[in-house]
Amino acid sequence: MGRNKCILASLLFLLCFVHPALLLGLDLGEKAPDFELLSTKGDKLRLSSYSGKKNVVLQFYVLDFTPT
């Protein structure tokens, strides 16, 4: 019975969270929308300010330094 619950939970997770994320993603070659973030030093950074420069890599990792 425990294995069936694990499989069911995994399927529900995939249907609820992964599928909508795929629908909202960008197509290959499509430009990302402009947005603004704060740096770790408190400076405002805009994605559009890096236009025409080399590649931009964004990494979102929410597990470190988050209150539990």
Protein backbone atom coordinates (compact mmCIF):
# COMPACT_ATOMS: atom_id res chain seq x y z
CA MET A 1 0.00 0.00 0.00
CA GLY A 2 2.86 2.41 0.71
CA ARG A 3 4.24 2.02 -2.81
CA ASN A 4 0.88 2.88 -4.39
CA LYS A 5 0.62 6.05 -2.29
CA CYS A 6 4.11 7.08 -3.38
CA ILE A 7 3.27 6.55 -7.04
CA LEU A 8 -0.01 8.43 -6.69
CA ALA A 9 1.69 11.33 -4.91
CA SER A 10 4.35 11.49 -7.64
CA LEU A 11 1.73 11.56 -10.38
CA LEU A 12 -0.25 14.29 -8.63
CA PHE A 13 2.91 16.35 -8.23
CA LEU A 14 3.74 16.00 -11.92
CA LEU A 15 0.22 16.93 -13.00
CA CYS A 16 -0.07 19.93 -10.67
CA PHE A 17 3.37 21.50 -10.85
CA VAL A 18 5.43 20.27 -13.77
CA HIS A 19 2.82 20.36 -16.53
CA PRO A 20 1.75 24.02 -15.96
CA ALA A 21 5.40 25.04 -15.81
CA LEU A 22 6.00 23.53 -19.23
CA LEU A 23 3.00 25.37 -20.67
CA LEU A 24 4.23 28.73 -19.38
CA GLY A 25 7.81 28.33 -20.60
CA LEU A 26 9.41 30.01 -23.59
CA ASP A 27 10.00 28.47 -26.97
CA LEU A 28 13.54 28.02 -28.21
CA GLY A 29 14.86 31.34 -29.50
CA GLU A 30 12.08 33.38 -27.88
CA LYS A 31 13.22 36.37 -25.82
CA ALA A 32 12.63 36.33 -22.08
CA PRO A 33 10.44 39.09 -20.65
CA ASP A 34 12.26 41.97 -18.99
CA PHE A 35 12.33 41.93 -15.19
CA GLU A 36 14.13 43.60 -12.31
CA LEU A 37 15.81 41.93 -9.31
CA LEU A 38 17.83 43.06 -6.33
CA SER A 39 21.42 41.85 -6.15
CA THR A 40 22.91 40.49 -2.96
CA LYS A 41 24.34 43.98 -2.42
CA GLY A 42 20.94 45.63 -2.84
CA ASP A 43 21.56 47.02 -6.33
CA LYS A 44 18.73 46.86 -8.89
CA LEU A 45 19.51 44.66 -11.89
CA ARG A 46 17.42 44.57 -15.08
CA LEU A 47 17.62 41.80 -17.63
CA SER A 48 17.40 44.36 -20.46
CA SER A 49 20.65 45.99 -19.28
CA TYR A 50 22.50 42.86 -20.43
CA SER A 51 21.02 42.93 -23.94
CA GLY A 52 23.65 42.61 -26.67
CA LYS A 53 26.27 41.26 -24.29
CA LYS A 54 27.46 37.70 -23.85
CA ASN A 55 25.19 34.97 -22.48
CA VAL A 56 23.26 35.52 -19.25
CA VAL A 57 22.77 32.57 -16.89
CA LEU A 58 20.19 32.80 -14.13
CA GLN A 59 20.15 30.29 -11.33
CA PHE A 60 17.36 30.21 -8.78
CA TYR A 61 18.11 28.06 -5.77
CA VAL A 62 15.63 28.56 -2.97
CA LEU A 63 16.80 25.95 -0.49
CA ASP A 64 19.74 27.86 0.97
CA PHE A 65 19.26 30.75 3.37
CA THR A 66 15.49 30.51 3.49
CA PRO A 67 13.63 30.53 6.80
CA THR A 68 11.96 27.28 7.70
